[in-house]
Amino acid sequence: MSNTKPWLLLLAIAFVQPAAASDPESAFRGKRLAEVNCADCHAIAQVDESLDPAAPPFRSMAERRDLASLRTEMTGDLFLRHAVMPDFEPDAGQANDIVTYIESIQD
């Protein structure tokens, strides 16, 4: 392990996140989860409108919040902080899929 170059590890880590955003299978699963759990309020496509005016469209979510932190928030207290959120508590994989989908449709 002493021959490991720290910069190489950092470079590898830097490429992990963008790869997740371009994972079509994850984005597909995320879209399906959003259709079932989020579409009653949020616009989840690139051209629809949110049924609840207070619910931000997924396509512009990155303008409102850091999407990387959204993954963590979705498995934390995000749904508890917003009383009108569905009775849905995504696990880490589901949260990743939803955010990957959100990343894939950003304006």
N, C-alpha and C. Protein backbone atom coordinates (compact mmCIF):
# COMPACT_ATOMS: atom_id res chain seq x y z
N MET A 1 0.81 -1.19 0.00
CA MET A 1 0.00 0.00 0.00
C MET A 1 0.85 1.26 0.00
N SER A 2 2.10 1.13 0.39
CA SER A 2 2.97 2.30 0.47
C SER A 2 3.27 2.88 -0.91
N ASN A 3 3.08 2.10 -1.98
CA ASN A 3 3.31 2.60 -3.33
C ASN A 3 2.10 3.32 -3.90
N THR A 4 0.99 3.33 -3.16
CA THR A 4 -0.23 3.98 -3.63
C THR A 4 -0.03 5.49 -3.66
N LYS A 5 -0.39 6.06 -4.76
CA LYS A 5 -0.27 7.51 -4.92
C LYS A 5 -1.60 8.16 -4.53
N PRO A 6 -1.58 9.05 -3.54
CA PRO A 6 -2.83 9.67 -3.07
C PRO A 6 -3.58 10.41 -4.17
N TRP A 7 -2.87 11.03 -5.09
CA TRP A 7 -3.54 11.78 -6.15
C TRP A 7 -4.33 10.85 -7.06
N LEU A 8 -3.85 9.61 -7.21
CA LEU A 8 -4.55 8.64 -8.04
C LEU A 8 -5.88 8.27 -7.41
N LEU A 9 -5.89 8.11 -6.10
CA LEU A 9 -7.13 7.81 -5.38
C LEU A 9 -8.10 8.98 -5.51
N LEU A 10 -7.64 10.20 -5.36
CA LEU A 10 -8.49 11.37 -5.49
C LEU A 10 -9.07 11.49 -6.90
N LEU A 11 -8.26 11.17 -7.89
CA LEU A 11 -8.72 11.21 -9.27
C LEU A 11 -9.83 10.18 -9.49
N ALA A 12 -9.65 9.00 -8.95
CA ALA A 12 -10.67 7.95 -9.08
C ALA A 12 -11.97 8.36 -8.41
N ILE A 13 -11.89 8.96 -7.24
CA ILE A 13 -13.08 9.41 -6.52
C ILE A 13 -13.80 10.51 -7.31
N ALA A 14 -13.06 11.38 -7.93
CA ALA A 14 -13.64 12.48 -8.69
C ALA A 14 -14.51 11.99 -9.84
N PHE A 15 -14.19 10.82 -10.38
CA PHE A 15 -14.95 10.30 -11.51
C PHE A 15 -16.13 9.44 -11.09
N VAL A 16 -16.26 9.11 -9.83
CA VAL A 16 -17.37 8.26 -9.39
C VAL A 16 -18.69 9.00 -9.51
N GLN A 17 -18.80 10.22 -9.03
CA GLN A 17 -20.07 10.95 -9.04
C GLN A 17 -20.59 11.20 -10.45
N PRO A 18 -19.79 11.71 -11.39
CA PRO A 18 -20.32 11.91 -12.73
C PRO A 18 -20.78 10.61 -13.39
N ALA A 19 -20.12 9.52 -13.08
CA ALA A 19 -20.55 8.24 -13.64
C ALA A 19 -21.93 7.87 -13.17
N ALA A 20 -22.25 8.15 -11.90
CA ALA A 20 -23.56 7.84 -11.36
C ALA A 20 -24.63 8.64 -12.09
N ALA A 21 -24.35 9.91 -12.40
CA ALA A 21 -25.33 10.76 -13.06
C ALA A 21 -25.65 10.26 -14.46
N SER A 22 -24.74 9.54 -15.08
CA SER A 22 -24.98 9.06 -16.43
C SER A 22 -25.38 7.58 -16.45
N ASP A 23 -25.80 7.04 -15.32
CA ASP A 23 -26.21 5.64 -15.23
C ASP A 23 -27.67 5.52 -15.67
N PRO A 24 -27.92 5.08 -16.91
CA PRO A 24 -29.30 5.06 -17.41
C PRO A 24 -30.21 4.11 -16.64
N GLU A 25 -29.69 3.00 -16.14
CA GLU A 25 -30.53 2.07 -15.37
C GLU A 25 -30.97 2.70 -14.05
N SER A 26 -30.05 3.38 -13.38
CA SER A 26 -30.39 4.06 -12.14
C SER A 26 -31.41 5.17 -12.40
N ALA A 27 -31.20 5.95 -13.46
CA ALA A 27 -32.13 7.02 -13.81
C ALA A 27 -33.52 6.45 -14.13
N PHE A 28 -33.56 5.31 -14.81
CA PHE A 28 -34.84 4.66 -15.14
C PHE A 28 -35.57 4.25 -13.86
N ARG A 29 -34.84 3.61 -12.95
CA ARG A 29 -35.46 3.22 -11.66
C ARG A 29 -35.93 4.46 -10.91
N GLY A 30 -35.13 5.51 -10.93
CA GLY A 30 -35.50 6.75 -10.26
C GLY A 30 -36.75 7.37 -10.84
N LYS A 31 -36.86 7.33 -12.15
CA LYS A 31 -38.06 7.88 -12.80
C LYS A 31 -39.29 7.10 -12.36
N ARG A 32 -39.19 5.79 -12.31
CA ARG A 32 -40.32 4.95 -11.89
C ARG A 32 -40.70 5.25 -10.44
N LEU A 33 -39.71 5.39 -9.57
CA LEU A 33 -39.99 5.74 -8.17
C LEU A 33 -40.65 7.11 -8.08
N ALA A 34 -40.19 8.06 -8.88
CA ALA A 34 -40.77 9.41 -8.88
C ALA A 34 -42.21 9.39 -9.38
N GLU A 35 -42.49 8.58 -10.39
CA GLU A 35 -43.85 8.49 -10.91
C GLU A 35 -44.82 8.03 -9.82
N VAL A 36 -44.40 7.09 -9.02
CA VAL A 36 -45.26 6.52 -7.98
C VAL A 36 -45.33 7.40 -6.74
N ASN A 37 -44.22 8.02 -6.36
CA ASN A 37 -44.13 8.69 -5.06
C ASN A 37 -44.08 10.21 -5.10
N CYS A 38 -43.78 10.80 -6.24
CA CYS A 38 -43.52 12.24 -6.27
C CYS A 38 -44.43 13.02 -7.21
N ALA A 39 -44.96 12.36 -8.23
CA ALA A 39 -45.68 13.05 -9.30
C ALA A 39 -47.01 13.66 -8.87
N ASP A 40 -47.54 13.28 -7.72
CA ASP A 40 -48.79 13.90 -7.26
C ASP A 40 -48.60 15.38 -6.96
N CYS A 41 -47.36 15.79 -6.68
CA CYS A 41 -47.08 17.20 -6.38
C CYS A 41 -46.06 17.82 -7.33
N HIS A 42 -44.95 17.11 -7.56
CA HIS A 42 -43.83 17.63 -8.36
C HIS A 42 -44.00 17.35 -9.84
N ALA A 43 -43.55 18.27 -10.66
CA ALA A 43 -43.36 18.00 -12.08
C ALA A 43 -42.11 17.13 -12.17
N ILE A 44 -42.24 15.95 -12.74
CA ILE A 44 -41.10 15.04 -12.76
C ILE A 44 -40.49 14.88 -14.15
N ALA A 45 -41.07 15.52 -15.14
CA ALA A 45 -40.54 15.42 -16.50
C ALA A 45 -39.94 16.77 -16.92
N GLN A 46 -39.52 16.87 -18.14
CA GLN A 46 -38.89 18.11 -18.61
C GLN A 46 -39.89 19.15 -19.10
N VAL A 47 -41.14 18.77 -19.28
CA VAL A 47 -42.10 19.73 -19.83
C VAL A 47 -43.41 19.82 -19.04
N ASP A 48 -43.58 19.08 -17.96
CA ASP A 48 -44.83 19.14 -17.20
C ASP A 48 -44.78 20.23 -16.14
N GLU A 49 -45.91 20.47 -15.50
CA GLU A 49 -46.00 21.46 -14.44
C GLU A 49 -46.33 20.77 -13.13
N SER A 50 -45.80 21.27 -12.04
CA SER A 50 -46.10 20.71 -10.72
C SER A 50 -47.57 20.93 -10.39
N LEU A 51 -48.22 19.88 -9.89
CA LEU A 51 -49.62 20.01 -9.48
C LEU A 51 -49.74 20.88 -8.23
N ASP A 52 -48.72 20.88 -7.40
CA ASP A 52 -48.66 21.74 -6.23
C ASP A 52 -47.67 22.86 -6.55
N PRO A 53 -48.13 24.09 -6.62
CA PRO A 53 -47.23 25.19 -6.97
C PRO A 53 -46.03 25.34 -6.04
N ALA A 54 -46.14 24.84 -4.82
CA ALA A 54 -45.02 24.93 -3.87
C ALA A 54 -43.98 23.83 -4.09
N ALA A 55 -44.31 22.83 -4.89
CA ALA A 55 -43.40 21.71 -5.15
C ALA A 55 -42.53 22.02 -6.36
N PRO A 56 -41.24 22.14 -6.17
CA PRO A 56 -40.37 22.50 -7.31
C PRO A 56 -40.31 21.38 -8.35
N PRO A 57 -40.28 21.76 -9.62
CA PRO A 57 -40.11 20.77 -10.68
C PRO A 57 -38.75 20.08 -10.55
N PHE A 58 -38.72 18.80 -10.81
CA PHE A 58 -37.46 18.06 -10.75
C PHE A 58 -36.43 18.64 -11.71
N ARG A 59 -36.86 19.13 -12.88
CA ARG A 59 -35.93 19.60 -13.91
C ARG A 59 -35.14 20.83 -13.49
N SER A 60 -35.61 21.54 -12.46
CA SER A 60 -34.88 22.72 -12.00
C SER A 60 -34.44 22.59 -10.54
N MET A 61 -34.45 21.38 -10.04
CA MET A 61 -34.11 21.14 -8.63
C MET A 61 -32.69 21.60 -8.30
N ALA A 62 -31.76 21.47 -9.22
CA ALA A 62 -30.36 21.85 -8.95
C ALA A 62 -30.22 23.35 -8.73
N GLU A 63 -31.17 24.14 -9.20
CA GLU A 63 -31.14 25.58 -8.95
C GLU A 63 -31.47 25.90 -7.49
N ARG A 64 -32.17 24.99 -6.82
CA ARG A 64 -32.66 25.22 -5.46
C ARG A 64 -31.80 24.56 -4.39
N ARG A 65 -31.12 23.48 -4.75
CA ARG A 65 -30.37 22.75 -3.73
C ARG A 65 -29.24 21.95 -4.36
N ASP A 66 -28.31 21.58 -3.53
CA ASP A 66 -27.19 20.75 -3.95
C ASP A 66 -27.68 19.32 -4.10
N LEU A 67 -27.64 18.78 -5.30
CA LEU A 67 -28.18 17.44 -5.53
C LEU A 67 -27.38 16.35 -4.83
N ALA A 68 -26.09 16.56 -4.65
CA ALA A 68 -25.29 15.56 -3.94
C ALA A 68 -25.79 15.42 -2.50
N SER A 69 -26.12 16.52 -1.87
CA SER A 69 -26.61 16.44 -0.49
C SER A 69 -28.05 15.94 -0.45
N LEU A 70 -28.79 16.09 -1.54
CA LEU A 70 -30.16 15.59 -1.57
C LEU A 70 -30.21 14.08 -1.36
N ARG A 71 -29.22 13.36 -1.88
CA ARG A 71 -29.17 11.91 -1.67
C ARG A 71 -29.20 11.58 -0.17
N THR A 72 -28.41 12.30 0.59
CA THR A 72 -28.34 12.07 2.04
C THR A 72 -29.61 12.54 2.71
N GLU A 73 -30.11 13.70 2.33
CA GLU A 73 -31.32 14.23 2.94
C GLU A 73 -32.52 13.31 2.73
N MET A 74 -32.58 12.66 1.58
CA MET A 74 -33.72 11.79 1.29
C MET A 74 -33.76 10.58 2.21
N THR A 75 -32.63 10.15 2.70
CA THR A 75 -32.62 9.02 3.62
C THR A 75 -32.60 9.50 5.07
N GLY A 76 -32.66 10.80 5.26
CA GLY A 76 -32.68 11.38 6.60
C GLY A 76 -34.07 11.89 6.93
N ASP A 77 -34.15 13.17 7.28
CA ASP A 77 -35.42 13.71 7.76
C ASP A 77 -36.16 14.58 6.74
N LEU A 78 -35.78 14.53 5.48
CA LEU A 78 -36.43 15.36 4.46
C LEU A 78 -37.94 15.16 4.45
N PHE A 79 -38.38 13.93 4.49
CA PHE A 79 -39.80 13.64 4.41
C PHE A 79 -40.53 14.00 5.70
N LEU A 80 -39.82 14.04 6.81
CA LEU A 80 -40.42 14.44 8.08
C LEU A 80 -40.55 15.96 8.17
N ARG A 81 -39.63 16.69 7.55
CA ARG A 81 -39.65 18.16 7.61
C ARG A 81 -40.75 18.76 6.76
N HIS A 82 -41.24 18.03 5.80
CA HIS A 82 -42.28 18.53 4.90
C HIS A 82 -43.53 17.67 5.11
N ALA A 83 -44.51 18.24 5.76
CA ALA A 83 -45.69 17.48 6.17
C ALA A 83 -46.48 16.89 5.00
N VAL A 84 -46.41 17.50 3.83
CA VAL A 84 -47.20 17.01 2.70
C VAL A 84 -46.46 15.97 1.86
N MET A 85 -45.26 15.60 2.26
CA MET A 85 -44.51 14.59 1.51
C MET A 85 -45.19 13.23 1.69
N PRO A 86 -45.04 12.35 0.72
CA PRO A 86 -45.70 11.04 0.79
C PRO A 86 -45.13 10.16 1.90
N ASP A 87 -45.88 9.14 2.23
CA ASP A 87 -45.42 8.17 3.21
C ASP A 87 -44.45 7.23 2.50
N PHE A 88 -43.26 7.74 2.26
CA PHE A 88 -42.24 7.03 1.49
C PHE A 88 -40.90 7.35 2.12
N GLU A 89 -40.20 6.35 2.53
CA GLU A 89 -38.87 6.53 3.10
C GLU A 89 -37.89 5.73 2.25
N PRO A 90 -37.28 6.38 1.25
CA PRO A 90 -36.37 5.66 0.36
C PRO A 90 -35.12 5.19 1.09
N ASP A 91 -34.67 4.01 0.70
CA ASP A 91 -33.38 3.56 1.21
C ASP A 91 -32.29 4.25 0.39
N ALA A 92 -31.06 4.02 0.71
CA ALA A 92 -29.95 4.71 0.04
C ALA A 92 -29.94 4.45 -1.46
N GLY A 93 -30.24 3.24 -1.87
CA GLY A 93 -30.26 2.91 -3.29
C GLY A 93 -31.37 3.64 -4.03
N GLN A 94 -32.57 3.68 -3.42
CA GLN A 94 -33.69 4.38 -4.03
C GLN A 94 -33.42 5.89 -4.11
N ALA A 95 -32.86 6.45 -3.04
CA ALA A 95 -32.53 7.88 -3.04
C ALA A 95 -31.52 8.18 -4.14
N ASN A 96 -30.53 7.32 -4.30
CA ASN A 96 -29.54 7.49 -5.36
C ASN A 96 -30.21 7.45 -6.73
N ASP A 97 -31.12 6.49 -6.93
CA ASP A 97 -31.81 6.37 -8.22
C ASP A 97 -32.64 7.61 -8.52
N ILE A 98 -33.37 8.12 -7.54
CA ILE A 98 -34.20 9.30 -7.75
C ILE A 98 -33.33 10.51 -8.09
N VAL A 99 -32.26 10.70 -7.35
CA VAL A 99 -31.39 11.86 -7.61
C VAL A 99 -30.67 11.69 -8.94
N THR A 100 -30.30 10.48 -9.29
CA THR A 100 -29.69 10.26 -10.61
C THR A 100 -30.66 10.63 -11.71
N TYR A 101 -31.94 10.28 -11.53
CA TYR A 101 -32.96 10.69 -12.50
C TYR A 101 -33.08 12.21 -12.55
N ILE A 102 -33.14 12.83 -11.36
CA ILE A 102 -33.23 14.30 -11.31
C ILE A 102 -32.04 14.94 -12.04
N GLU A 103 -30.85 14.42 -11.81
CA GLU A 103 -29.66 14.94 -12.49
C GLU A 103 -29.78 14.80 -14.01
N SER A 104 -30.41 13.73 -14.46
CA SER A 104 -30.48 13.46 -15.89
C SER A 104 -31.42 14.40 -16.64
N ILE A 105 -32.31 15.11 -15.92
CA ILE A 105 -33.27 15.98 -16.61
C ILE A 105 -33.08 17.46 -16.27
N GLN A 106 -31.97 17.84 -15.69
CA GLN A 106 -31.75 19.24 -15.32
C GLN A 106 -31.75 20.13 -16.55
N ASP A 107 -32.37 21.31 -16.41
CA ASP A 107 -32.41 22.31 -17.50
C ASP A 107 -31.01 22.69 -17.91
